[in-house]
N, C-alpha and C. Protein backbone atom coordinates (compact mmCIF):
# COMPACT_ATOMS: atom_id res chain seq x y z
N MET A 1 -121.76 -56.84 -25.48
CA MET A 1 -120.96 -55.65 -25.91
C MET A 1 -119.87 -55.38 -25.06
N PRO A 2 -118.60 -55.45 -25.45
CA PRO A 2 -117.80 -54.69 -24.46
C PRO A 2 -117.88 -53.63 -23.64
N LEU A 3 -117.80 -53.49 -22.22
CA LEU A 3 -118.01 -52.17 -21.41
C LEU A 3 -117.46 -50.98 -21.75
N ALA A 4 -116.42 -50.96 -22.42
CA ALA A 4 -115.60 -49.91 -22.80
C ALA A 4 -116.32 -49.34 -24.26
N LEU A 5 -116.92 -50.23 -25.03
CA LEU A 5 -117.58 -49.50 -26.30
C LEU A 5 -118.68 -49.12 -25.80
N VAL A 6 -119.42 -49.61 -24.86
CA VAL A 6 -120.64 -48.68 -24.15
C VAL A 6 -120.44 -47.59 -23.90
N ASP A 7 -119.33 -47.24 -23.00
CA ASP A 7 -119.10 -46.01 -22.38
C ASP A 7 -118.48 -45.09 -23.45
N ALA A 8 -117.93 -45.57 -24.18
CA ALA A 8 -117.40 -44.69 -25.40
C ALA A 8 -118.86 -44.24 -26.09
N VAL A 9 -119.80 -44.86 -26.43
CA VAL A 9 -121.12 -44.53 -27.17
C VAL A 9 -121.74 -43.73 -26.20
N GLY A 10 -121.74 -43.91 -24.82
CA GLY A 10 -122.48 -42.91 -24.29
C GLY A 10 -121.84 -41.64 -23.71
N THR A 11 -120.51 -41.64 -23.65
CA THR A 11 -119.56 -40.38 -23.80
C THR A 11 -119.85 -39.69 -25.03
N GLY A 12 -119.79 -39.98 -26.12
CA GLY A 12 -120.15 -39.35 -27.28
C GLY A 12 -121.32 -38.74 -27.34
N ALA A 13 -122.45 -39.67 -27.31
CA ALA A 13 -123.79 -39.03 -27.03
C ALA A 13 -124.18 -37.94 -26.26
N ALA A 14 -123.21 -37.87 -24.94
CA ALA A 14 -123.40 -36.89 -24.03
C ALA A 14 -122.72 -35.69 -24.55
N LEU A 15 -121.47 -35.94 -25.00
CA LEU A 15 -120.78 -34.62 -25.61
C LEU A 15 -121.46 -34.12 -26.68
N CYS A 16 -121.96 -34.75 -27.93
CA CYS A 16 -122.89 -34.34 -28.95
C CYS A 16 -124.15 -33.66 -28.37
N SER A 17 -124.60 -34.10 -27.13
CA SER A 17 -126.01 -33.46 -26.69
C SER A 17 -125.49 -32.18 -26.14
N MET A 18 -124.54 -32.13 -25.33
CA MET A 18 -124.12 -30.63 -24.59
C MET A 18 -123.53 -29.73 -25.66
N ALA A 19 -122.74 -30.43 -26.74
CA ALA A 19 -122.30 -29.32 -27.87
C ALA A 19 -123.16 -28.81 -28.67
N SER A 20 -124.63 -29.27 -28.75
CA SER A 20 -125.54 -28.75 -29.46
C SER A 20 -126.15 -27.91 -29.38
N PHE A 21 -126.20 -27.50 -28.14
CA PHE A 21 -126.68 -25.94 -27.68
C PHE A 21 -125.88 -24.94 -27.64
N THR A 22 -124.44 -25.27 -27.82
CA THR A 22 -123.34 -23.91 -27.73
C THR A 22 -123.44 -23.15 -29.04
N PRO A 23 -123.93 -23.39 -30.03
CA PRO A 23 -123.85 -22.64 -31.41
C PRO A 23 -124.90 -21.72 -31.17
N GLN A 24 -126.20 -22.11 -30.73
CA GLN A 24 -127.38 -21.34 -30.73
C GLN A 24 -127.29 -20.35 -29.13
N LEU A 25 -126.64 -20.69 -28.38
CA LEU A 25 -126.39 -19.93 -27.37
C LEU A 25 -125.20 -18.66 -27.55
N VAL A 26 -124.15 -19.19 -28.30
CA VAL A 26 -123.45 -18.18 -29.07
C VAL A 26 -123.67 -16.86 -29.60
N LYS A 27 -124.83 -17.53 -30.55
CA LYS A 27 -125.44 -16.73 -31.76
C LYS A 27 -126.39 -15.93 -30.89
N ILE A 28 -127.29 -16.47 -30.09
CA ILE A 28 -128.12 -15.49 -29.41
C ILE A 28 -127.34 -14.42 -28.53
N TRP A 29 -126.31 -14.64 -27.84
CA TRP A 29 -125.32 -13.72 -27.05
C TRP A 29 -124.87 -12.86 -27.95
N ARG A 30 -124.16 -13.15 -29.44
CA ARG A 30 -123.36 -12.11 -30.05
C ARG A 30 -124.29 -11.41 -30.86
N GLU A 31 -125.82 -11.61 -31.12
CA GLU A 31 -126.43 -10.65 -31.63
C GLU A 31 -127.41 -10.29 -30.99
N ARG A 32 -127.40 -10.56 -29.88
CA ARG A 32 -128.33 -10.00 -28.76
C ARG A 32 -130.01 -10.23 -29.21
N ASP A 33 -130.28 -11.14 -29.79
CA ASP A 33 -131.38 -11.17 -30.54
C ASP A 33 -131.93 -13.03 -30.43
N ALA A 34 -132.84 -13.16 -29.91
CA ALA A 34 -133.58 -14.71 -29.75
C ALA A 34 -134.73 -14.86 -30.24
N SER A 35 -135.12 -13.71 -31.31
CA SER A 35 -136.64 -13.88 -31.74
C SER A 35 -136.58 -15.14 -32.92
N SER A 36 -135.64 -15.70 -33.58
CA SER A 36 -135.81 -17.08 -34.10
C SER A 36 -135.84 -18.00 -33.15
N VAL A 37 -135.70 -18.34 -32.07
CA VAL A 37 -136.07 -19.25 -31.24
C VAL A 37 -137.20 -19.66 -30.67
N SER A 38 -137.55 -20.70 -30.76
CA SER A 38 -139.00 -21.26 -30.34
C SER A 38 -139.03 -21.48 -28.84
N LEU A 39 -139.98 -20.36 -28.31
CA LEU A 39 -140.29 -20.47 -26.90
C LEU A 39 -140.71 -21.53 -26.39
N ARG A 40 -141.86 -22.25 -27.08
CA ARG A 40 -142.37 -23.58 -26.56
C ARG A 40 -141.40 -24.79 -26.54
N MET A 41 -140.70 -24.76 -27.92
CA MET A 41 -139.77 -25.68 -27.99
C MET A 41 -138.82 -25.90 -26.65
N TYR A 42 -138.18 -24.56 -26.25
CA TYR A 42 -137.27 -24.76 -25.23
C TYR A 42 -137.82 -24.93 -23.96
N VAL A 43 -139.11 -24.20 -23.63
CA VAL A 43 -140.11 -24.70 -22.53
C VAL A 43 -139.77 -26.36 -22.24
N VAL A 44 -140.14 -27.11 -23.46
CA VAL A 44 -140.28 -28.35 -23.36
C VAL A 44 -139.03 -29.20 -23.28
N THR A 45 -138.00 -28.62 -23.82
CA THR A 45 -136.81 -28.92 -23.73
C THR A 45 -136.08 -28.83 -22.38
N VAL A 46 -136.36 -27.80 -21.84
CA VAL A 46 -135.79 -27.66 -20.40
C VAL A 46 -136.33 -28.45 -19.33
N THR A 47 -137.72 -28.69 -19.68
CA THR A 47 -138.85 -29.67 -18.47
C THR A 47 -138.22 -30.89 -18.97
N GLY A 48 -137.73 -31.22 -20.06
CA GLY A 48 -137.07 -32.57 -20.60
C GLY A 48 -135.80 -33.06 -19.78
N PHE A 49 -135.05 -31.78 -19.73
CA PHE A 49 -133.59 -32.48 -18.87
C PHE A 49 -134.20 -32.47 -17.65
N CYS A 50 -135.11 -31.57 -17.31
CA CYS A 50 -135.27 -31.63 -15.36
C CYS A 50 -135.78 -33.00 -15.37
N LEU A 51 -136.45 -33.35 -16.12
CA LEU A 51 -137.04 -34.80 -15.73
C LEU A 51 -135.84 -35.85 -15.98
N TRP A 52 -134.72 -35.70 -17.07
CA TRP A 52 -133.67 -36.59 -17.15
C TRP A 52 -132.74 -36.57 -15.93
N VAL A 53 -132.63 -35.18 -15.33
CA VAL A 53 -131.92 -35.44 -14.14
C VAL A 53 -132.51 -35.84 -13.04
N ALA A 54 -133.86 -35.77 -13.16
CA ALA A 54 -134.58 -36.44 -11.69
C ALA A 54 -134.34 -37.99 -12.00
N TYR A 55 -134.64 -38.41 -13.07
CA TYR A 55 -134.52 -39.97 -13.48
C TYR A 55 -133.48 -40.16 -12.96
N GLY A 56 -132.04 -39.59 -13.36
CA GLY A 56 -130.47 -39.99 -13.32
C GLY A 56 -130.39 -40.07 -11.80
N VAL A 57 -131.02 -38.98 -10.99
CA VAL A 57 -130.84 -39.42 -9.59
C VAL A 57 -131.53 -40.44 -8.96
N LEU A 58 -132.91 -40.63 -9.29
CA LEU A 58 -133.64 -41.83 -8.67
C LEU A 58 -132.90 -43.02 -9.03
N SER A 59 -132.35 -42.97 -10.48
CA SER A 59 -131.61 -44.23 -10.81
C SER A 59 -130.26 -44.55 -10.35
N LYS A 60 -129.97 -43.37 -9.53
CA LYS A 60 -128.37 -43.22 -9.14
C LYS A 60 -127.22 -43.52 -10.33
N SER A 61 -127.87 -43.06 -11.62
CA SER A 61 -126.81 -43.10 -12.70
C SER A 61 -126.31 -41.54 -12.84
N TRP A 62 -125.43 -41.51 -12.50
CA TRP A 62 -124.61 -40.24 -12.02
C TRP A 62 -124.02 -39.40 -13.88
N PRO A 63 -123.63 -40.51 -14.60
CA PRO A 63 -123.31 -39.99 -16.09
C PRO A 63 -124.62 -39.21 -16.78
N ILE A 64 -125.76 -39.77 -16.55
CA ILE A 64 -127.22 -39.44 -16.76
C ILE A 64 -127.15 -37.98 -16.19
N VAL A 65 -127.06 -37.80 -14.99
CA VAL A 65 -127.23 -36.67 -14.30
C VAL A 65 -126.55 -35.55 -15.04
N VAL A 66 -124.79 -35.89 -14.76
CA VAL A 66 -124.45 -34.63 -15.19
C VAL A 66 -124.64 -34.48 -16.66
N ALA A 67 -124.53 -35.34 -17.45
CA ALA A 67 -124.72 -34.71 -18.96
C ALA A 67 -126.01 -34.15 -18.88
N ASN A 68 -126.97 -34.38 -18.50
CA ASN A 68 -128.35 -33.62 -18.77
C ASN A 68 -128.31 -32.56 -17.79
N ALA A 69 -127.69 -32.37 -16.73
CA ALA A 69 -127.46 -31.32 -16.21
C ALA A 69 -126.78 -29.81 -16.93
N VAL A 70 -125.92 -30.31 -17.60
CA VAL A 70 -124.95 -29.51 -18.64
C VAL A 70 -125.96 -29.12 -19.67
N CYS A 71 -126.63 -29.95 -20.16
CA CYS A 71 -127.54 -29.54 -21.06
C CYS A 71 -129.15 -28.79 -20.54
N LEU A 72 -129.30 -29.01 -19.55
CA LEU A 72 -130.21 -28.15 -18.62
C LEU A 72 -129.81 -26.87 -18.71
N MET A 73 -128.53 -26.65 -18.22
CA MET A 73 -127.97 -25.51 -18.01
C MET A 73 -128.03 -24.65 -19.49
N LEU A 74 -127.36 -25.32 -20.14
CA LEU A 74 -127.37 -24.48 -21.73
C LEU A 74 -128.71 -24.00 -22.23
N SER A 75 -129.43 -25.10 -22.15
CA SER A 75 -130.72 -24.52 -22.90
C SER A 75 -131.60 -23.82 -22.03
N ALA A 76 -131.82 -23.86 -20.36
CA ALA A 76 -132.15 -22.81 -19.95
C ALA A 76 -131.51 -21.57 -20.16
N ALA A 77 -130.47 -21.56 -20.30
CA ALA A 77 -129.79 -20.40 -20.56
C ALA A 77 -129.93 -19.38 -21.80
N ILE A 78 -130.40 -20.53 -22.61
CA ILE A 78 -131.02 -20.07 -24.04
C ILE A 78 -132.48 -19.18 -23.59
N LEU A 79 -133.32 -20.17 -22.88
CA LEU A 79 -134.50 -20.00 -22.42
C LEU A 79 -134.39 -18.53 -21.90
N VAL A 80 -134.01 -18.22 -20.98
CA VAL A 80 -133.44 -17.03 -20.18
C VAL A 80 -133.18 -15.83 -21.09
N LEU A 81 -132.55 -16.07 -22.16
CA LEU A 81 -131.71 -15.06 -22.95
C LEU A 81 -133.11 -14.70 -23.82
N LYS A 82 -134.10 -15.58 -24.56
CA LYS A 82 -135.08 -15.59 -25.00
C LYS A 82 -135.87 -14.37 -24.32
N TRP A 83 -136.31 -14.89 -23.04
CA TRP A 83 -137.27 -13.99 -22.27
C TRP A 83 -136.52 -12.47 -21.92
N ARG A 84 -135.37 -12.65 -21.70
CA ARG A 84 -134.70 -11.29 -21.57
C ARG A 84 -134.97 -10.28 -22.71
N PHE A 85 -134.49 -10.57 -23.84
CA PHE A 85 -134.47 -9.89 -25.16
C PHE A 85 -135.72 -9.74 -25.79
N GLU A 86 -136.86 -10.68 -25.32
CA GLU A 86 -138.09 -10.06 -25.60
C GLU A 86 -138.58 -9.29 -24.79
N HIS A 87 -138.14 -9.14 -23.73
CA HIS A 87 -138.77 -8.01 -22.81
C HIS A 87 -137.98 -6.81 -22.52
N GLY A 88 -136.88 -6.61 -23.61
CA GLY A 88 -136.11 -5.53 -23.80
C GLY A 88 -135.08 -5.13 -22.63
N ALA A 89 -134.73 -6.16 -21.76
CA ALA A 89 -133.57 -6.18 -21.05
C ALA A 89 -132.55 -6.34 -21.55
N LYS A 90 -131.32 -5.72 -21.35
CA LYS A 90 -130.08 -6.16 -21.99
C LYS A 90 -129.09 -6.49 -20.86
N VAL A 91 -128.89 -7.83 -21.42
CA VAL A 91 -127.49 -8.33 -20.67
C VAL A 91 -126.56 -7.66 -20.27
N GLY A 92 -126.05 -7.61 -18.90
CA GLY A 92 -124.87 -7.01 -18.87
C GLY A 92 -124.94 -5.31 -18.76
N THR A 93 -126.23 -4.91 -18.53
CA THR A 93 -126.16 -3.30 -18.48
C THR A 93 -127.14 -3.30 -17.06
N ALA A 94 -126.97 -2.41 -16.26
CA ALA A 94 -127.46 -2.02 -15.08
C ALA A 94 -128.85 -1.14 -15.24
């Protein structure tokens, strides 16, 4: 298979994975409500992305590291907002 096609498929997969968290993050931020988000699911997701980043570092596959680090940050942000909104803290207030 041509390398350009392989890279295009990998880039498309990375972009879709990264973009998939954005609507959920925006919805939670806008509504200040994360009650519909599964805590267990995001704990598992964040753990999975941590492992993917570690795998990418160990295998020296920087595209895997970068794509999964972005996904890790987005999914971790959702997890943090879930925790903060469940515990009554308001983001942006002192």
